[in-house]
Protein backbone atom coordinates (compact mmCIF):
# COMPACT_ATOMS: atom_id res chain seq x y z
CA UNK A 1 0.00 0.00 0.00
CA UNK A 2 1.59 3.31 -1.08
CA UNK A 3 2.11 5.98 1.53
CA UNK A 4 -0.39 8.84 1.40
CA UNK A 5 0.52 12.40 0.52
CA UNK A 6 -0.56 13.60 3.96
CA UNK A 7 1.74 11.05 5.64
CA UNK A 8 4.62 12.00 3.36
CA UNK A 9 4.20 15.67 4.17
CA UNK A 10 4.02 14.98 7.91
CA UNK A 11 7.13 12.77 7.83
CA UNK A 12 9.09 15.30 5.78
CA UNK A 13 8.15 18.00 8.23
CA UNK A 14 9.34 15.92 11.16
CA UNK A 15 12.57 14.97 9.42
CA UNK A 16 13.31 18.68 9.29
CA UNK A 17 12.48 18.92 13.02
CA UNK A 18 14.92 16.12 13.92
CA UNK A 19 17.70 17.74 11.88
CA UNK A 20 16.90 21.03 13.62
CA UNK A 21 17.30 19.24 16.97
CA UNK A 22 20.70 17.95 15.88
CA UNK A 23 21.64 21.46 14.77
CA UNK A 24 20.56 22.93 18.12
CA UNK A 25 22.53 20.39 20.16
CA UNK A 26 25.59 20.99 17.98
CA UNK A 27 25.34 24.74 18.61
CA UNK A 28 25.08 24.03 22.33
CA UNK A 29 28.16 21.81 22.14
CA UNK A 30 30.08 24.58 20.38
CA UNK A 31 29.10 27.06 23.09
CA UNK A 32 30.17 24.69 25.88
CA UNK A 33 33.48 24.05 24.15
CA UNK A 34 34.13 27.80 24.05
CA UNK A 35 33.09 28.08 27.71
CA UNK A 36 35.59 25.39 28.78
CA UNK A 37 32.86 22.89 29.67
CA UNK A 38 34.19 19.77 27.91
CA UNK A 39 31.85 17.36 29.70
CA UNK A 40 28.75 19.25 28.57
CA UNK A 41 30.21 19.66 25.08
CA UNK A 42 30.87 15.92 24.72
CA UNK A 43 27.37 14.95 25.88
CA UNK A 44 25.73 17.52 23.59
CA UNK A 45 27.72 16.31 20.57
CA UNK A 46 26.46 12.79 21.25
CA UNK A 47 22.91 14.15 21.45
CA UNK A 48 23.40 15.88 18.11
CA UNK A 49 24.50 12.61 16.50
CA UNK A 50 21.53 10.83 18.07
CA UNK A 51 19.07 13.38 16.66
CA UNK A 52 20.67 12.99 13.24
CA UNK A 53 20.10 9.26 13.57
CA UNK A 54 16.42 9.91 14.34
CA UNK A 55 16.07 12.01 11.20
CA UNK A 56 17.72 9.33 9.07
CA UNK A 57 15.45 6.69 10.57
CA UNK A 58 12.40 8.61 9.34
CA UNK A 59 14.24 9.26 6.07
CA UNK A 60 14.60 5.50 5.55
CA UNK A 61 10.99 4.88 6.56
CA UNK A 62 9.78 7.34 3.93
CA UNK A 63 11.98 5.98 1.14
CA UNK A 64 11.23 2.34 2.05
CA UNK A 65 7.51 3.07 1.74
CA UNK A 66 8.01 4.57 -1.71
CA UNK A 67 7.61 8.16 -0.60
CA UNK A 68 9.64 11.17 -1.68
CA UNK A 69 11.95 12.96 0.72
CA UNK A 70 11.75 16.74 0.56
CA UNK A 71 14.35 18.30 2.82
CA UNK A 72 13.37 21.60 4.34
CA UNK A 73 15.57 24.56 5.35
CA UNK A 74 16.77 24.42 8.95
CA UNK A 75 16.56 27.62 11.03
CA UNK A 76 19.79 28.78 12.64
CA UNK A 77 19.97 27.93 16.36
CA UNK A 78 21.23 30.42 18.96
CA UNK A 79 25.00 30.63 19.27
CA UNK A 80 25.32 31.58 22.96
CA UNK A 81 23.51 30.69 26.17
CA UNK A 82 23.35 32.50 29.50
CA UNK A 83 24.48 29.58 31.66
CA UNK A 84 24.63 25.77 31.72
CA UNK A 85 21.28 25.77 33.52
CA UNK A 86 19.67 28.04 30.92
CA UNK A 87 21.11 25.86 28.17
CA UNK A 88 19.72 22.65 29.61
CA UNK A 89 16.37 24.27 30.35
CA UNK A 90 16.14 25.21 26.67
CA UNK A 91 17.11 21.64 25.73
CA UNK A 92 14.34 20.28 27.97
CA UNK A 93 11.76 22.66 26.48
CA UNK A 94 12.90 21.58 23.01
CA UNK A 95 12.53 17.88 23.84
CA UNK A 96 9.05 18.50 25.20
CA UNK A 97 8.15 20.28 21.97
CA UNK A 98 9.51 17.35 19.93
CA UNK A 99 7.39 14.96 22.00
CA UNK A 100 4.26 16.96 21.14
CA UNK A 101 5.18 16.92 17.45
CA UNK A 102 5.65 13.15 17.48
CA UNK A 103 2.26 12.72 19.11
CA UNK A 104 0.78 14.85 16.32
CA UNK A 105 2.64 12.77 13.74
CA UNK A 106 1.32 9.57 15.32
CA UNK A 107 -2.20 10.97 15.12
CA UNK A 108 -1.72 11.61 11.38
CA UNK A 109 -0.50 8.03 10.92
CA UNK A 110 -3.57 6.70 12.74
CA UNK A 111 -5.90 8.88 10.63
CA UNK A 112 -4.21 7.79 7.40
CA UNK A 113 -4.25 4.15 8.53
CA UNK A 114 -0.50 4.02 7.98
CA UNK A 115 0.12 0.99 10.19
CA UNK A 116 3.82 0.74 9.36
CA UNK A 117 4.39 4.37 10.26
CA UNK A 118 2.40 3.92 13.49
CA UNK A 119 4.63 0.99 14.50
CA UNK A 120 7.79 2.97 13.79
CA UNK A 121 6.50 6.02 15.62
CA UNK A 122 5.81 3.98 18.75
CA UNK A 123 9.59 3.63 19.09
CA UNK A 124 9.93 7.40 18.80
CA UNK A 125 7.31 7.93 21.52
CA UNK A 126 9.18 5.63 23.92
CA UNK A 127 12.47 7.30 22.98
CA UNK A 128 11.09 10.72 23.86
CA UNK A 129 10.12 9.53 27.33
CA UNK A 130 13.80 8.67 27.91
CA UNK A 131 15.01 11.92 26.33
CA UNK A 132 12.83 14.10 28.54
CA UNK A 133 13.75 12.09 31.63
CA UNK A 134 17.50 12.41 31.02
CA UNK A 135 17.48 16.14 30.26
CA UNK A 136 15.03 16.80 33.10
CA UNK A 137 17.37 15.08 35.58
CA UNK A 138 20.28 17.25 34.41
CA UNK A 139 18.16 20.38 34.84
CA UNK A 140 17.16 19.27 38.33
CA UNK A 141 20.77 18.67 39.34
CA UNK A 142 21.85 22.07 38.05
CA UNK A 143 18.97 23.76 39.88
CA UNK A 144 19.99 21.95 43.07
CA UNK A 145 23.55 23.18 42.69
CA UNK A 146 22.26 26.71 42.17
CA UNK A 147 20.11 26.59 45.31
CA UNK A 148 23.01 25.32 47.39
CA UNK A 149 25.24 28.07 46.03
CA UNK A 150 22.69 30.74 46.97
CA UNK A 151 22.36 29.36 50.49
CA UNK A 152 26.12 29.43 50.93
CA UNK A 153 26.42 33.00 49.63
CA UNK A 154 23.58 34.23 51.82
CA UNK A 155 25.04 32.66 54.94
CA UNK A 156 28.15 34.83 54.63
CA UNK A 157 26.12 37.73 56.05
CA UNK A 158 26.35 36.06 59.47
CA UNK A 159 30.14 35.72 59.39
CA UNK A 160 30.90 39.10 61.15
CA UNK A 161 28.55 38.15 64.01
CA UNK A 162 30.22 34.78 64.29
CA UNK A 163 33.63 36.43 64.47
CA UNK A 164 32.44 38.84 67.18
CA UNK A 165 31.07 35.96 69.23
CA UNK A 166 34.33 34.06 68.89
CA UNK A 167 36.26 37.06 70.18
CA UNK A 168 33.97 37.23 73.23
CA UNK A 169 34.57 33.62 74.23
CA UNK A 170 36.49 32.95 77.43
CA UNK A 171 39.90 31.28 76.99
CA UNK A 172 39.86 27.57 77.60
CA UNK A 173 41.60 26.21 80.73
CA UNK A 174 45.15 24.89 80.19
CA UNK A 175 45.63 21.18 79.66
CA UNK A 176 47.69 18.96 81.97
CA UNK A 177 50.58 19.06 79.51
CA UNK A 178 50.49 22.85 79.34
CA UNK A 179 50.43 23.14 83.14
CA UNK A 180 53.41 20.77 83.40
CA UNK A 181 55.37 22.82 80.89
CA UNK A 182 54.64 26.01 82.78
CA UNK A 183 55.83 24.40 86.02
CA UNK A 184 59.27 23.61 84.57
CA UNK A 185 61.85 26.34 85.42
CA UNK A 186 62.84 28.44 82.43
CA UNK A 187 66.58 27.87 83.05
CA UNK A 188 67.89 24.57 84.30
CA UNK A 189 71.42 25.03 82.99
CA UNK A 190 74.65 26.38 84.44
CA UNK A 191 74.23 29.19 86.92
CA UNK A 192 70.73 28.25 88.02
CA UNK A 193 69.82 28.84 91.63
CA UNK A 194 67.54 25.82 91.43
CA UNK A 195 70.26 23.19 90.88
CA UNK A 196 69.25 19.61 91.47
CA UNK A 197 71.29 17.20 93.54
CA UNK A 198 72.56 15.57 90.35
CA UNK A 199 73.71 18.95 89.03
CA UNK A 200 75.67 19.58 92.23
CA UNK A 201 77.35 16.16 92.10
CA UNK A 202 78.39 16.71 88.50
CA UNK A 203 79.85 20.12 89.34
CA UNK A 204 81.85 18.66 92.23
CA UNK A 205 83.22 15.94 89.93
CA UNK A 206 84.22 18.62 87.43
CA UNK A 207 85.90 20.53 90.25
CA UNK A 208 87.94 17.50 91.33
CA UNK A 209 89.01 16.67 87.77
CA UNK A 210 89.97 20.28 87.21
CA UNK A 211 92.10 20.30 90.38
CA UNK A 212 93.84 17.11 89.36
CA UNK A 213 94.61 18.59 85.98
CA UNK A 214 95.93 21.81 87.60
CA UNK A 215 98.18 20.07 90.11
CA UNK A 216 99.20 17.43 87.54
CA UNK A 217 100.30 14.81 90.07
CA UNK A 218 102.50 13.12 87.44
CA UNK A 219 104.77 16.12 86.98
CA UNK A 220 106.07 19.30 88.57
CA UNK A 221 103.67 21.97 89.71
CA UNK A 222 104.93 24.33 87.01
CA UNK A 223 102.99 22.41 84.39
CA UNK A 224 99.69 24.02 85.31
CA UNK A 225 96.90 23.47 82.73
CA UNK A 226 95.05 26.59 81.73
CA UNK A 227 92.00 24.47 80.74
CA UNK A 228 92.01 22.75 84.11
CA UNK A 229 92.17 26.07 85.91
CA UNK A 230 89.21 27.33 83.89
CA UNK A 231 87.18 24.25 84.80
CA UNK A 232 87.97 24.78 88.48
CA UNK A 233 86.87 28.40 88.36
CA UNK A 234 83.63 27.56 86.55
CA UNK A 235 82.85 24.78 89.01
CA UNK A 236 83.43 27.11 91.97
CA UNK A 237 81.15 29.71 90.46
CA UNK A 238 78.37 27.17 89.90
CA UNK A 239 78.70 25.77 93.42
CA UNK A 240 78.43 29.29 94.77
CA UNK A 241 75.33 30.07 92.69
CA UNK A 242 73.80 26.76 93.65
CA UNK A 243 74.17 27.54 97.35
CA UNK A 244 76.72 24.81 98.03
CA UNK A 245 79.55 27.25 98.84
CA UNK A 246 79.32 30.67 100.43
CA UNK A 247 82.21 33.05 99.69
């Protein structure tokens, strides 16, 4: 059964619509590439190829049924878009419009009793459900990101108050480690009035060794060691500062 003129005209019109969809997605991909959004650009290029495939599927249906393809001029799509969200909102509106056109095309097929076209168009109807769902989810995710961004930017108005409150907070009590560090004398070296018993013993040993080196029991007294004398003097000074000797 040859395809009717009304069905041919409706199919040709929708072929032009599918090519226009491919053209629109390609323009969106170009914009995203220029805007340094490679992920969006890649997905939109794939969508453009998919829409081209839809057009060719109807092209083959028309030629297989003995009809004549009459390609129509395609209007130029917009070249720029305000934001990724605005872009995807336009894509969703476009897909919804395509769904309405396919329903109209299916109605023509039913009126013309074009059973083969009706069967083919059922695939298109199911495909549009998936198309709208996918693009709608992307729009929803972008809107969610936008709402979160606005909440974050609005909350910055409370930052000065938060800083004022933090300045009014009382200092926390010191920890056990901090208290132990504070309790340690600042100077536990030579010359400290707080010498421990071990410090005093070590100074006395240094004093004895210094005296032995000064006297030099193995030789005459004339061989006095300057280093030994210095050790003796330092030891005496430390013993005096430590309270062991009083002079």
